[in-house]
Amino acid sequence: MLLTLLLTTVNAFSQTKGVVVPEEILAKAKEWVSALNLTNAANKSAVENVIAVHLTAVRDWHNEHPSSTVPDGINPVTGNKLSDLDKQIIADSAMPSTVHQSLMNGLNQNLSPEQVETILDKYTIGKVDFTMKGYKAIVTDLTADEEAKILAFLKQAREQAVDYKNMKQISAIFEIYKTKSEQMLNNNGRSWRALYSAYTKKIKEEKAKKQ
């Protein structure tokens, strides 16, 4: 009875936005929100609804705008022919910005900043923390300013990535901001290529010692 009531509530909410939320997406939204341990039932329901509607809108846009809707062409930065992933990201990036704004407004109205970050991490499987740890391992003398700038880039990536349907696309969005981070390190007089090469060499040597 409770599940039916919640589904009815979500469907009524989503239909006003032209979205009908399937049960499996609602279940995912509920699972993510459960990690917050919210005690206010109204806030909990509102957050579940806004996430479920957003996930459904992202899925529907993706399914209705396949990569084939984007003409063949080249990447203006690299000059390489657009890949299928490139074209799918282009197609998905044309989704109305109101979809993203509705998600962020709904989260910010009902959650603390820390709780909002937890939900965004659910969308992106914790890539901000994972990637930041990688940078700290590679650049062992990372300054506080460099760390803050990289973290800001990664949080930009995370918020942008939530509007994409699958992990290949999410990872591609993060690559954009990882490139910005590495360019920043190079501009600070470091050589990202040399740092990364030294790190991988160290890992291989440590692995060899254990064998």
Protein backbone atom coordinates (compact mmCIF):
# COMPACT_ATOMS: atom_id res chain seq x y z
CA MET A 1 0.00 0.00 0.00
CA LEU A 2 2.79 2.41 0.94
CA LEU A 3 4.76 1.63 -2.22
CA THR A 4 1.65 2.22 -4.34
CA LEU A 5 1.04 5.53 -2.62
CA LEU A 6 4.62 6.64 -3.18
CA LEU A 7 4.52 5.61 -6.82
CA THR A 8 1.29 7.51 -7.30
CA THR A 9 2.85 10.57 -5.69
CA VAL A 10 5.91 10.39 -7.92
CA ASN A 11 3.87 9.81 -11.05
CA ALA A 12 1.61 12.76 -10.27
CA PHE A 13 4.67 14.93 -9.65
CA SER A 14 6.54 13.74 -12.72
CA GLN A 15 3.64 13.97 -15.13
CA THR A 16 3.48 17.72 -14.50
CA LYS A 17 6.98 17.79 -16.00
CA GLY A 18 6.14 15.44 -18.86
CA VAL A 19 7.96 12.53 -17.19
CA VAL A 20 6.55 9.20 -15.99
CA VAL A 21 8.91 7.56 -13.50
CA PRO A 22 9.36 3.78 -13.79
CA GLU A 23 9.51 1.70 -10.63
CA GLU A 24 13.18 0.70 -11.04
CA ILE A 25 14.30 4.33 -11.20
CA LEU A 26 12.25 5.20 -8.14
CA ALA A 27 13.93 2.29 -6.34
CA LYS A 28 17.36 3.67 -7.24
CA ALA A 29 16.40 7.13 -5.98
CA LYS A 30 15.16 5.63 -2.71
CA GLU A 31 18.38 3.66 -2.28
CA TRP A 32 20.52 6.77 -2.76
CA VAL A 33 18.42 8.87 -0.37
CA SER A 34 18.49 6.14 2.29
CA ALA A 35 22.22 6.86 2.72
CA LEU A 36 21.29 10.30 4.11
CA ASN A 37 19.23 8.88 7.00
CA LEU A 38 16.71 11.71 6.70
CA THR A 39 14.24 11.95 9.57
CA ASN A 40 11.88 14.46 7.96
CA ALA A 41 9.44 12.40 5.88
CA ALA A 42 8.43 15.34 3.66
CA ASN A 43 12.04 16.18 2.81
CA LYS A 44 12.83 12.52 2.18
CA SER A 45 9.91 12.13 -0.23
CA ALA A 46 10.71 15.41 -2.00
CA VAL A 47 14.34 14.41 -2.57
CA GLU A 48 13.37 10.94 -3.80
CA ASN A 49 10.92 12.54 -6.22
CA VAL A 50 13.31 15.12 -7.64
CA ILE A 51 16.05 12.51 -8.19
CA ALA A 52 13.65 10.02 -9.77
CA VAL A 53 12.25 12.64 -12.14
CA HIS A 54 15.75 13.79 -13.09
CA LEU A 55 17.04 10.26 -13.73
CA THR A 56 14.00 9.55 -15.89
CA ALA A 57 14.37 12.78 -17.86
CA VAL A 58 18.06 12.02 -18.51
CA ARG A 59 17.22 8.48 -19.64
CA ASP A 60 14.37 9.61 -21.88
CA TRP A 61 16.41 12.36 -23.54
CA HIS A 62 19.30 9.95 -24.12
CA ASN A 63 17.04 7.31 -25.64
CA GLU A 64 15.22 9.83 -27.85
CA HIS A 65 18.44 11.49 -29.10
CA PRO A 66 20.87 8.75 -30.20
CA SER A 67 24.33 9.55 -31.52
CA SER A 68 23.00 9.08 -35.05
CA THR A 69 21.16 12.41 -34.71
CA VAL A 70 24.55 14.20 -34.70
CA PRO A 71 26.21 14.57 -38.14
CA ASP A 72 29.69 13.20 -38.72
CA GLY A 73 32.40 15.78 -38.22
CA ILE A 74 35.63 16.49 -36.38
CA ASN A 75 36.54 17.44 -32.86
CA PRO A 76 37.60 21.10 -33.24
CA VAL A 77 40.24 20.71 -30.52
CA THR A 78 41.97 17.53 -31.70
CA GLY A 79 40.97 17.43 -35.36
CA ASN A 80 40.02 13.78 -34.95
CA LYS A 81 36.80 12.40 -36.42
CA LEU A 82 33.95 12.49 -33.90
CA SER A 83 33.58 9.13 -32.19
CA ASP A 84 30.22 7.61 -31.34
CA LEU A 85 30.83 8.63 -27.72
CA ASP A 86 31.62 12.21 -28.81
CA LYS A 87 28.38 12.39 -30.77
CA GLN A 88 26.32 10.91 -27.94
CA ILE A 89 27.72 13.46 -25.49
CA ILE A 90 26.92 16.25 -27.96
CA ALA A 91 23.36 14.96 -28.31
CA ASP A 92 22.86 14.57 -24.57
CA SER A 93 24.41 17.97 -23.80
CA ALA A 94 21.52 19.57 -25.72
CA MET A 95 19.06 18.47 -23.03
CA PRO A 96 17.20 21.54 -21.69
CA SER A 97 19.09 23.15 -18.81
CA THR A 98 15.86 23.24 -16.80
CA VAL A 99 16.27 19.50 -16.16
CA HIS A 100 19.53 20.14 -14.30
CA GLN A 101 18.23 23.27 -12.60
CA SER A 102 15.19 21.40 -11.27
CA LEU A 103 17.43 18.71 -9.77
CA MET A 104 19.78 21.17 -8.08
CA ASN A 105 16.95 23.39 -6.84
CA GLY A 106 15.14 20.41 -5.36
CA LEU A 107 18.27 19.09 -3.65
CA ASN A 108 19.34 22.48 -2.28
CA GLN A 109 15.87 23.24 -0.95
CA ASN A 110 15.70 20.02 1.06
CA LEU A 111 19.27 19.09 1.94
CA SER A 112 22.40 20.54 3.51
CA PRO A 113 25.38 21.24 1.20
CA GLU A 114 27.10 18.10 2.51
CA GLN A 115 24.02 15.98 1.80
CA VAL A 116 23.77 17.42 -1.73
CA GLU A 117 27.37 16.34 -2.32
CA THR A 118 26.53 12.84 -1.11
CA ILE A 119 23.76 12.55 -3.69
CA LEU A 120 25.95 13.91 -6.50
CA ASP A 121 28.57 11.33 -5.50
CA LYS A 122 25.91 8.62 -5.86
CA TYR A 123 25.34 9.71 -9.46
CA THR A 124 29.08 9.58 -10.22
CA ILE A 125 30.12 6.61 -8.01
CA GLY A 126 32.43 8.73 -5.88
CA LYS A 127 34.72 9.83 -8.71
CA VAL A 128 35.64 13.14 -7.04
CA ASP A 129 37.20 11.50 -3.99
CA PHE A 130 38.75 8.66 -6.01
CA THR A 131 40.33 11.03 -8.54
CA MET A 132 41.54 13.46 -5.87
CA LYS A 133 43.30 10.62 -4.06
CA GLY A 134 44.98 9.74 -7.36
CA TYR A 135 46.32 13.26 -7.80
CA LYS A 136 47.66 13.29 -4.24
CA ALA A 137 49.42 9.98 -4.83
CA ILE A 138 51.00 11.20 -8.08
CA VAL A 139 51.87 14.73 -6.92
CA THR A 140 53.11 14.11 -3.40
CA ASP A 141 53.96 17.77 -2.75
CA LEU A 142 50.66 19.17 -3.99
CA THR A 143 50.16 22.65 -2.51
CA ALA A 144 46.97 23.69 -0.72
CA ASP A 145 46.18 26.07 -3.58
CA GLU A 146 46.69 23.37 -6.22
CA GLU A 147 44.57 20.91 -4.25
CA ALA A 148 41.76 23.47 -3.91
CA LYS A 149 41.80 24.22 -7.63
CA ILE A 150 41.79 20.54 -8.61
CA LEU A 151 38.96 19.83 -6.18
CA ALA A 152 36.96 22.71 -7.67
CA PHE A 153 37.50 21.31 -11.18
CA LEU A 154 36.41 17.84 -10.07
CA LYS A 155 33.27 19.18 -8.40
CA GLN A 156 32.44 21.03 -11.62
CA ALA A 157 32.87 17.74 -13.47
CA ARG A 158 30.62 15.94 -11.00
CA GLU A 159 27.76 18.40 -11.27
CA GLN A 160 27.96 18.41 -15.07
CA ALA A 161 28.25 14.63 -15.27
CA VAL A 162 24.98 13.91 -13.45
CA ASP A 163 23.11 14.82 -16.65
CA TYR A 164 24.61 11.91 -18.60
CA LYS A 165 23.23 8.40 -18.69
CA ASN A 166 26.16 6.00 -18.43
CA MET A 167 29.62 5.70 -16.92
CA LYS A 168 31.45 6.06 -20.24
CA GLN A 169 29.89 9.49 -20.66
CA ILE A 170 30.44 10.42 -17.01
CA SER A 171 34.11 9.44 -17.27
CA ALA A 172 34.47 11.49 -20.47
CA ILE A 173 33.10 14.57 -18.68
CA PHE A 174 35.59 14.04 -15.85
CA GLU A 175 38.41 13.78 -18.41
CA ILE A 176 37.65 17.35 -19.52
CA TYR A 177 38.27 18.65 -16.02
CA LYS A 178 41.21 16.35 -15.36
CA THR A 179 42.85 17.90 -18.42
CA LYS A 180 42.19 21.35 -16.94
CA SER A 181 43.76 20.21 -13.66
CA GLU A 182 46.84 18.85 -15.39
CA GLN A 183 47.22 22.01 -17.47
CA MET A 184 47.08 24.01 -14.24
CA LEU A 185 49.89 21.89 -12.78
CA ASN A 186 51.95 22.39 -15.94
CA ASN A 187 51.36 26.15 -15.73
CA ASN A 188 52.70 26.02 -12.17
CA GLY A 189 56.03 24.77 -13.48
CA ARG A 190 55.39 21.07 -13.02
CA SER A 191 55.49 18.42 -15.74
CA TRP A 192 52.38 16.28 -15.45
CA ARG A 193 53.78 13.76 -17.93
CA ALA A 194 56.98 13.33 -15.90
CA LEU A 195 55.06 13.09 -12.62
CA TYR A 196 52.70 10.46 -13.99
CA SER A 197 55.57 8.50 -15.55
CA ALA A 198 57.48 8.49 -12.24
CA TYR A 199 54.37 7.33 -10.38
CA THR A 200 53.65 4.43 -12.74
CA LYS A 201 57.32 3.38 -12.60
CA LYS A 202 57.18 3.38 -8.80
CA ILE A 203 54.01 1.26 -8.78
CA LYS A 204 55.56 -1.28 -11.17
CA GLU A 205 58.70 -1.50 -9.03
CA GLU A 206 56.68 -2.02 -5.85
CA LYS A 207 54.61 -4.70 -7.55
CA ALA A 208 57.76 -6.47 -8.77
CA LYS A 209 59.21 -6.55 -5.24
CA LYS A 210 56.11 -8.34 -3.94
CA GLN A 211 56.39 -11.12 -6.52
